[in-house]
N, C-alpha and C. Protein backbone atom coordinates (compact mmCIF):
# COMPACT_ATOMS: atom_id res chain seq x y z
N MET A 1 48.71 164.79 147.85
CA MET A 1 49.78 165.03 148.59
C MET A 1 50.82 164.12 148.26
N ARG A 2 51.93 164.10 148.31
CA ARG A 2 53.06 163.38 148.37
C ARG A 2 53.20 162.59 149.67
N ARG A 3 52.95 161.02 149.80
CA ARG A 3 53.71 161.04 151.21
C ARG A 3 55.04 160.83 151.35
N PRO A 4 55.48 160.68 152.82
CA PRO A 4 57.28 160.65 152.61
C PRO A 4 57.28 158.92 152.56
N ARG A 5 58.72 159.30 151.87
CA ARG A 5 59.20 157.97 151.89
C ARG A 5 59.33 157.14 153.37
N ILE A 6 59.26 155.63 153.11
CA ILE A 6 59.16 154.72 154.28
C ILE A 6 60.62 154.34 154.17
N LYS A 7 61.64 154.76 154.93
CA LYS A 7 63.16 154.52 155.29
C LYS A 7 63.21 154.11 156.50
N SER A 8 64.16 152.95 156.85
CA SER A 8 64.50 151.98 157.93
C SER A 8 65.12 153.16 158.87
N PRO A 9 65.08 153.57 160.27
CA PRO A 9 65.76 154.20 160.76
C PRO A 9 67.29 153.34 161.17
N GLY A 10 68.24 154.34 160.92
CA GLY A 10 69.40 153.34 161.28
C GLY A 10 69.96 152.81 159.87
N GLU A 11 70.28 151.35 160.00
CA GLU A 11 70.99 150.69 158.83
C GLU A 11 69.18 149.94 157.78
N GLY A 12 69.24 150.01 156.51
CA GLY A 12 68.30 149.69 155.70
C GLY A 12 68.74 148.87 154.81
N PHE A 13 68.02 148.16 154.63
CA PHE A 13 68.09 147.16 152.95
C PHE A 13 67.21 147.38 152.38
N TYR A 14 67.20 147.77 150.84
CA TYR A 14 65.85 148.39 150.03
C TYR A 14 66.07 147.78 148.45
N HIS A 15 64.72 147.38 147.84
CA HIS A 15 65.18 147.34 146.23
C HIS A 15 64.34 148.26 145.61
N VAL A 16 64.95 149.05 145.04
CA VAL A 16 64.72 150.32 144.14
C VAL A 16 64.68 150.23 142.64
N VAL A 17 63.41 150.56 142.40
CA VAL A 17 63.01 150.48 140.96
C VAL A 17 62.31 152.08 140.04
N SER A 18 63.29 152.21 139.15
CA SER A 18 62.75 153.62 138.43
C SER A 18 63.03 153.34 137.27
N ARG A 19 61.75 154.08 136.62
CA ARG A 19 61.19 153.96 135.20
C ARG A 19 61.79 155.11 134.61
N ILE A 20 62.14 154.83 132.87
CA ILE A 20 62.43 156.25 132.03
C ILE A 20 60.92 156.25 131.73
N SER A 21 60.81 157.75 131.71
CA SER A 21 59.48 158.00 131.33
C SER A 21 58.77 157.86 129.88
N GLY A 22 57.67 157.59 129.65
CA GLY A 22 56.96 157.23 128.77
C GLY A 22 57.38 155.82 128.01
N ARG A 23 58.11 155.15 129.39
CA ARG A 23 58.47 153.73 128.87
C ARG A 23 59.27 153.52 127.64
N ARG A 24 60.39 154.59 127.33
CA ARG A 24 60.92 154.49 126.48
C ARG A 24 62.30 153.90 126.55
N PHE A 25 62.57 153.07 125.41
CA PHE A 25 64.05 152.64 125.40
C PHE A 25 64.80 153.25 124.97
N LEU A 26 65.70 154.08 126.25
CA LEU A 26 66.78 154.71 125.90
C LEU A 26 68.10 154.05 126.08
N MET A 27 68.31 153.28 126.96
CA MET A 27 69.43 152.92 127.32
C MET A 27 69.99 151.61 126.49
N ASP A 28 70.79 151.94 125.78
CA ASP A 28 71.54 150.51 125.18
C ASP A 28 72.57 150.38 125.81
N ASP A 29 73.63 149.30 125.55
CA ASP A 29 74.78 149.18 126.55
C ASP A 29 75.66 150.14 126.79
N GLY A 30 76.18 151.30 126.02
CA GLY A 30 77.05 152.41 126.33
C GLY A 30 76.03 153.20 127.29
N GLU A 31 74.59 153.60 127.11
CA GLU A 31 74.04 154.20 128.22
C GLU A 31 74.14 153.61 129.78
N LYS A 32 73.90 152.36 129.66
CA LYS A 32 73.97 151.48 131.15
C LYS A 32 75.23 151.59 131.48
N ASP A 33 76.12 151.52 131.05
CA ASP A 33 77.46 151.93 131.42
C ASP A 33 78.05 153.47 132.11
N ILE A 34 77.13 154.04 131.47
CA ILE A 34 77.46 155.47 132.41
C ILE A 34 76.51 155.32 133.07
N LEU A 35 75.24 155.36 133.24
CA LEU A 35 74.58 154.76 134.42
C LEU A 35 75.29 154.25 135.26
N LEU A 36 75.77 153.09 135.24
CA LEU A 36 76.39 152.51 136.29
C LEU A 36 77.58 153.01 137.24
N GLY A 37 78.25 153.87 136.33
CA GLY A 37 79.25 154.75 136.60
C GLY A 37 79.10 155.79 137.64
N MET A 38 77.97 156.64 137.44
CA MET A 38 77.40 157.56 138.02
C MET A 38 76.57 156.68 139.69
N VAL A 39 76.11 155.61 138.94
CA VAL A 39 75.43 154.88 140.59
C VAL A 39 76.79 154.70 141.77
N ARG A 40 77.67 154.26 140.87
CA ARG A 40 79.14 153.74 141.62
C ARG A 40 79.28 155.02 142.36
N ALA A 41 79.52 156.14 141.79
CA ALA A 41 80.33 157.30 142.11
C ALA A 41 79.15 157.60 142.95
N ALA A 42 78.21 157.64 143.26
CA ALA A 42 77.22 158.17 144.11
C ALA A 42 77.34 157.21 145.53
N ALA A 43 77.12 156.27 145.33
CA ALA A 43 77.71 155.12 146.19
C ALA A 43 79.24 155.31 146.97
N ALA A 44 79.77 155.61 146.15
CA ALA A 44 81.07 155.83 146.91
C ALA A 44 81.04 156.91 147.49
N PHE A 45 80.59 158.23 147.60
CA PHE A 45 80.15 159.47 147.97
C PHE A 45 79.22 158.98 149.11
N SER A 46 78.21 158.38 149.34
CA SER A 46 77.32 158.39 149.80
C SER A 46 77.14 157.55 151.00
N GLY A 47 78.01 156.60 151.10
CA GLY A 47 78.15 155.25 151.79
C GLY A 47 77.25 154.11 151.50
N VAL A 48 76.48 154.57 150.41
CA VAL A 48 75.65 153.36 150.57
C VAL A 48 76.07 152.16 149.48
N GLU A 49 75.69 151.01 149.77
CA GLU A 49 76.07 149.55 149.66
C GLU A 49 75.50 149.20 148.11
N VAL A 50 75.60 149.07 146.80
CA VAL A 50 75.11 148.32 146.15
C VAL A 50 75.28 146.59 146.07
N TYR A 51 74.76 146.16 146.01
CA TYR A 51 74.37 144.94 146.57
C TYR A 51 74.67 144.25 144.97
N THR A 52 73.63 144.34 144.14
CA THR A 52 73.38 144.05 143.05
C THR A 52 72.65 144.98 142.04
N TYR A 53 72.53 144.55 140.74
CA TYR A 53 71.72 145.98 139.87
C TYR A 53 71.15 144.96 138.82
N ALA A 54 70.25 145.67 138.26
CA ALA A 54 69.61 145.29 136.83
C ALA A 54 69.54 146.59 135.91
N LEU A 55 70.07 147.02 134.92
CA LEU A 55 70.01 147.58 134.28
C LEU A 55 69.39 147.58 132.88
N MET A 56 67.97 147.83 132.90
CA MET A 56 67.26 147.35 131.45
C MET A 56 67.08 148.63 130.47
N ASP A 57 66.71 148.13 129.72
CA ASP A 57 66.26 149.25 128.31
C ASP A 57 65.61 150.67 129.13
N ASN A 58 64.80 150.38 129.72
CA ASN A 58 63.89 151.43 129.84
C ASN A 58 63.20 151.53 131.76
N HIS A 59 64.44 151.08 132.31
CA HIS A 59 64.25 151.08 133.77
C HIS A 59 65.46 150.29 134.61
N PHE A 60 65.81 150.32 135.78
CA PHE A 60 66.97 149.59 136.41
C PHE A 60 66.12 149.20 137.76
N HIS A 61 67.10 148.51 138.33
CA HIS A 61 66.58 148.06 139.98
C HIS A 61 68.01 147.67 140.17
N LEU A 62 67.83 148.23 141.56
CA LEU A 62 69.02 148.20 142.64
C LEU A 62 68.55 147.40 144.25
N LEU A 63 69.61 146.74 144.70
CA LEU A 63 69.70 146.33 145.94
C LEU A 63 70.50 146.91 146.78
N LEU A 64 69.92 147.55 147.50
CA LEU A 64 70.96 148.58 148.33
C LEU A 64 71.18 148.13 149.64
N ARG A 65 72.06 148.47 150.58
CA ARG A 65 72.31 148.41 151.98
C ARG A 65 72.85 149.99 152.51
N VAL A 66 71.72 150.79 153.02
CA VAL A 66 72.51 151.80 153.81
C VAL A 66 72.53 152.01 155.07
N PRO A 67 73.67 151.92 155.14
CA PRO A 67 74.39 151.48 156.69
C PRO A 67 73.88 152.71 157.47
N GLN A 68 73.98 152.55 159.05
CA GLN A 68 73.67 153.65 159.78
C GLN A 68 74.63 154.59 159.66
N ARG A 69 74.26 156.06 159.95
CA ARG A 69 74.80 156.92 159.44
C ARG A 69 75.94 157.10 160.66
N GLU A 70 77.43 157.33 159.83
CA GLU A 70 78.41 157.78 160.81
C GLU A 70 79.22 159.24 160.44
N GLU A 71 79.93 159.46 161.66
CA GLU A 71 80.71 160.70 161.55
C GLU A 71 81.56 160.32 160.17
N VAL A 72 81.47 161.62 159.55
CA VAL A 72 82.83 161.68 158.30
C VAL A 72 83.71 162.84 158.46
N ASP A 73 84.91 162.46 158.96
CA ASP A 73 85.83 163.70 159.15
C ASP A 73 85.92 164.49 157.67
N ASP A 74 87.05 165.25 157.90
CA ASP A 74 87.42 166.46 156.58
C ASP A 74 88.15 165.46 155.54
N ALA A 75 89.00 164.58 155.98
CA ALA A 75 89.52 163.77 155.22
C ALA A 75 89.11 162.92 154.28
N GLU A 76 88.25 162.18 155.09
CA GLU A 76 86.77 161.46 154.24
C GLU A 76 85.82 161.93 153.88
N LEU A 77 85.88 163.20 153.87
CA LEU A 77 85.02 164.00 153.27
C LEU A 77 85.26 164.34 151.46
N SER A 78 86.93 164.85 151.85
CA SER A 78 87.52 165.04 150.72
C SER A 78 87.86 163.70 149.65
N ARG A 79 88.09 162.58 150.21
CA ARG A 79 88.22 161.52 149.61
C ARG A 79 86.57 161.28 148.93
N ARG A 80 85.57 161.51 149.31
CA ARG A 80 84.27 161.13 148.92
C ARG A 80 83.80 162.07 147.86
N VAL A 81 84.06 163.59 147.72
CA VAL A 81 83.82 164.68 147.23
C VAL A 81 84.80 164.26 145.98
N ARG A 82 85.71 163.66 146.02
CA ARG A 82 86.64 163.35 144.81
C ARG A 82 86.01 161.99 144.04
N ALA A 83 85.48 161.05 144.78
CA ALA A 83 84.98 159.56 144.25
C ALA A 83 83.82 160.41 143.36
N LEU A 84 83.16 161.43 143.91
CA LEU A 84 81.32 161.38 142.99
C LEU A 84 81.99 162.64 142.36
N TYR A 85 82.76 164.02 142.28
CA TYR A 85 82.87 164.61 141.40
C TYR A 85 84.03 164.35 140.17
N GLY A 86 84.91 163.75 140.78
CA GLY A 86 86.05 163.51 139.82
C GLY A 86 87.07 164.67 140.13
N PRO A 87 88.48 164.41 139.69
CA PRO A 87 89.28 165.23 140.07
C PRO A 87 88.94 166.89 139.52
N GLU A 88 88.74 167.08 138.28
CA GLU A 88 88.81 168.71 137.55
C GLU A 88 87.63 169.44 138.66
N ARG A 89 86.44 168.82 138.70
CA ARG A 89 85.61 169.46 139.68
C ARG A 89 85.49 169.57 140.91
N SER A 90 86.06 168.59 141.84
CA SER A 90 86.58 168.67 143.30
C SER A 90 87.70 169.30 143.45
N GLY A 91 88.54 169.50 142.37
CA GLY A 91 89.93 170.44 142.60
C GLY A 91 89.24 172.18 142.52
N ARG A 92 88.50 172.20 141.38
CA ARG A 92 87.44 173.38 141.54
C ARG A 92 87.03 173.64 142.93
N LEU A 93 86.27 172.93 143.59
CA LEU A 93 85.37 173.22 144.65
C LEU A 93 86.61 173.15 146.18
N PHE A 94 87.81 172.51 146.21
CA PHE A 94 88.42 172.88 147.08
C PHE A 94 89.17 173.95 146.74
N ALA A 95 89.25 174.59 145.64
CA ALA A 95 90.17 175.52 145.67
C ALA A 95 89.12 177.25 146.02
N GLN A 96 87.97 176.71 146.02
CA GLN A 96 86.89 177.70 146.21
C GLN A 96 87.06 177.58 147.59
N TRP A 97 86.91 176.53 148.32
CA TRP A 97 86.91 176.46 150.00
C TRP A 97 88.49 177.28 150.25
N GLY A 98 89.64 177.08 149.77
CA GLY A 98 90.57 177.47 150.19
C GLY A 98 90.53 179.12 149.86
N GLN A 99 90.13 179.67 148.82
CA GLN A 99 89.56 181.09 149.10
C GLN A 99 89.15 181.69 149.89
N TRP A 100 88.04 181.15 150.58
CA TRP A 100 87.10 181.50 151.79
C TRP A 100 87.48 181.42 152.65
N LEU A 101 88.60 180.47 152.87
CA LEU A 101 89.57 180.38 154.29
C LEU A 101 90.42 181.27 154.37
N SER A 102 90.81 181.61 153.33
CA SER A 102 91.88 182.88 153.32
C SER A 102 91.34 184.33 153.08
N ALA A 103 89.91 184.32 152.88
CA ALA A 103 89.27 185.57 153.04
C ALA A 103 88.56 185.66 154.50
N GLY A 104 88.95 184.53 155.48
CA GLY A 104 88.50 184.68 156.67
C GLY A 104 86.73 183.97 156.78
N ASP A 105 86.79 183.13 155.65
CA ASP A 105 85.08 182.82 155.73
C ASP A 105 84.92 181.47 155.92
N ALA A 106 85.49 180.71 157.23
CA ALA A 106 85.68 179.40 157.53
C ALA A 106 83.86 178.97 157.98
N VAL A 107 83.18 179.65 157.82
CA VAL A 107 81.85 179.18 158.44
C VAL A 107 81.01 179.14 156.96
N ARG A 108 81.27 179.78 156.05
CA ARG A 108 80.64 179.30 154.94
C ARG A 108 81.21 177.80 154.42
N VAL A 109 82.55 177.83 154.67
CA VAL A 109 82.96 176.38 154.12
C VAL A 109 82.20 175.36 154.74
N GLU A 110 82.26 175.40 156.16
CA GLU A 110 81.63 174.60 157.55
C GLU A 110 80.54 174.54 156.61
N GLU A 111 79.80 175.13 156.52
CA GLU A 111 78.26 175.28 155.53
C GLU A 111 78.05 174.22 154.57
N VAL A 112 79.08 174.67 153.47
CA VAL A 112 79.31 173.59 152.43
C VAL A 112 79.40 172.08 152.88
N ARG A 113 80.37 171.87 153.76
CA ARG A 113 80.74 170.60 154.37
C ARG A 113 79.77 170.05 154.87
N GLU A 114 78.93 170.66 155.80
CA GLU A 114 77.59 170.01 156.35
C GLU A 114 76.82 169.84 155.27
N ARG A 115 76.37 170.61 154.55
CA ARG A 115 75.44 169.85 153.60
C ARG A 115 75.98 168.78 152.55
N LEU A 116 76.94 168.81 152.64
CA LEU A 116 77.44 167.34 151.82
C LEU A 116 77.35 166.28 152.75
N ARG A 117 77.89 166.41 153.94
CA ARG A 117 77.70 165.30 154.84
C ARG A 117 76.14 164.84 154.72
N ALA A 118 75.20 165.83 154.90
CA ALA A 118 73.63 165.34 155.06
C ALA A 118 73.21 164.69 153.85
N ARG A 119 73.67 164.84 153.01
CA ARG A 119 73.50 163.93 151.75
C ARG A 119 74.15 162.30 151.86
N MET A 120 74.81 161.94 153.10
CA MET A 120 75.50 161.02 153.01
C MET A 120 74.67 159.97 153.75
N TYR A 121 74.57 158.76 153.49
CA TYR A 121 73.50 157.50 154.43
C TYR A 121 72.15 157.74 154.11
N ASP A 122 72.01 158.56 153.02
CA ASP A 122 70.43 158.82 152.63
C ASP A 122 70.13 157.97 151.30
N LEU A 123 69.09 156.96 151.39
CA LEU A 123 68.46 156.55 149.95
C LEU A 123 68.13 157.26 149.31
N SER A 124 66.77 158.45 149.63
CA SER A 124 66.48 159.51 148.65
C SER A 124 67.77 160.43 147.90
N GLN A 125 68.79 160.84 149.03
CA GLN A 125 69.77 161.44 148.30
C GLN A 125 70.72 160.91 147.50
N PHE A 126 70.55 159.33 148.00
CA PHE A 126 71.80 158.70 146.66
C PHE A 126 71.13 158.44 145.32
N ILE A 127 69.72 158.41 145.33
CA ILE A 127 68.91 157.93 144.33
C ILE A 127 69.31 159.64 143.12
N LYS A 128 68.70 160.44 144.21
CA LYS A 128 68.62 161.95 143.50
C LYS A 128 70.00 162.04 143.10
N THR A 129 71.18 161.85 143.44
CA THR A 129 72.21 162.29 142.87
C THR A 129 72.80 161.84 141.87
N PHE A 130 72.46 160.57 141.50
CA PHE A 130 72.95 159.76 140.25
C PHE A 130 71.83 159.97 139.11
N LYS A 131 70.40 160.03 139.54
CA LYS A 131 69.25 160.39 138.37
C LYS A 131 69.37 161.67 137.89
N GLU A 132 69.97 162.43 138.53
CA GLU A 132 70.09 163.93 138.38
C GLU A 132 71.67 164.34 137.45
N ALA A 133 72.25 163.51 137.98
CA ALA A 133 73.82 163.78 137.15
C ALA A 133 73.45 162.95 135.41
N TYR A 134 73.06 161.78 135.91
CA TYR A 134 72.51 161.19 134.46
C TYR A 134 71.51 161.78 133.60
N THR A 135 70.61 162.45 134.18
CA THR A 135 69.74 163.11 133.14
C THR A 135 70.47 164.30 132.85
N GLN A 136 70.99 165.16 133.44
CA GLN A 136 71.75 166.29 133.17
C GLN A 136 72.83 165.81 132.01
N ASP A 137 73.79 164.79 132.01
CA ASP A 137 74.69 164.05 130.94
C ASP A 137 74.08 163.53 129.79
N TYR A 138 72.93 163.04 129.72
CA TYR A 138 72.34 162.55 128.83
C TYR A 138 71.17 163.50 127.63
N ASN A 139 71.04 164.70 128.94
CA ASN A 139 70.52 166.04 128.00
C ASN A 139 71.65 166.50 127.42
N ARG A 140 72.72 166.60 127.65
CA ARG A 140 73.88 167.57 127.47
C ARG A 140 74.33 166.94 126.00
N ARG A 141 74.41 165.50 126.13
CA ARG A 141 74.97 164.31 124.97
C ARG A 141 74.02 164.66 124.02
N THR A 142 72.34 164.14 124.06
CA THR A 142 71.81 164.35 123.03
C THR A 142 70.85 165.36 123.16
N GLY A 143 70.81 166.72 123.45
CA GLY A 143 70.18 167.65 123.13
C GLY A 143 68.65 167.82 123.72
N ASN A 144 68.46 166.77 124.68
CA ASN A 144 66.96 166.22 124.96
C ASN A 144 66.79 167.38 126.02
N THR A 145 65.79 167.89 126.63
CA THR A 145 65.19 168.56 127.72
C THR A 145 64.59 167.97 128.67
N GLY A 146 64.45 168.46 129.82
CA GLY A 146 63.78 167.83 131.12
C GLY A 146 64.20 166.53 131.15
N THR A 147 63.46 165.88 132.66
CA THR A 147 63.59 164.74 133.09
C THR A 147 63.45 163.54 132.22
N ILE A 148 64.22 162.72 132.19
CA ILE A 148 63.86 161.44 131.68
C ILE A 148 63.28 160.15 132.42
N TRP A 149 63.55 160.83 133.76
CA TRP A 149 62.86 159.39 134.61
C TRP A 149 61.09 160.20 135.23
N GLU A 150 60.59 158.81 134.84
CA GLU A 150 58.97 158.64 135.34
C GLU A 150 58.63 158.77 136.67
N GLY A 151 58.53 159.76 137.42
CA GLY A 151 58.27 159.88 138.81
C GLY A 151 59.48 159.24 139.82
N ARG A 152 58.85 159.10 141.15
CA ARG A 152 59.95 158.89 141.95
C ARG A 152 59.96 157.28 141.89
N PHE A 153 61.43 157.18 142.34
CA PHE A 153 61.90 155.76 142.43
C PHE A 153 60.68 155.05 143.42
N LYS A 154 60.58 153.90 143.70
CA LYS A 154 59.77 153.02 143.79
C LYS A 154 60.96 151.89 144.53
């Protein structure tokens, strides 16, 4: 049975490592640039600070600060969603929210906003966000299937 991650209550500093499965060497300089862009987008969304990083051909290291959780108002939430998803995908999301609001379904919009806020200031959610995004992008570009990461991050 998996044990829960040990995370500091409030602010925490972490050295995170994750390896590509089978110890394959999949990340050339171009792949590293793509991964780094996704790390930065996830950090802008989540509020995690990346102090430094080392992207290797088959694994990465990140030195992170996860700040104390803060309240995120709707304007800041919108800014962070745009940072994570980009203009096209966030535009579709905001349009969907507008349709729900016009239909009188403000509760549904608030539920989605709260799920997004719950992903912020959380180490596990931060790592999950960019590793999933990178895997999906890599698989789409290369025809690979399944995850490329070996187990959980350490």
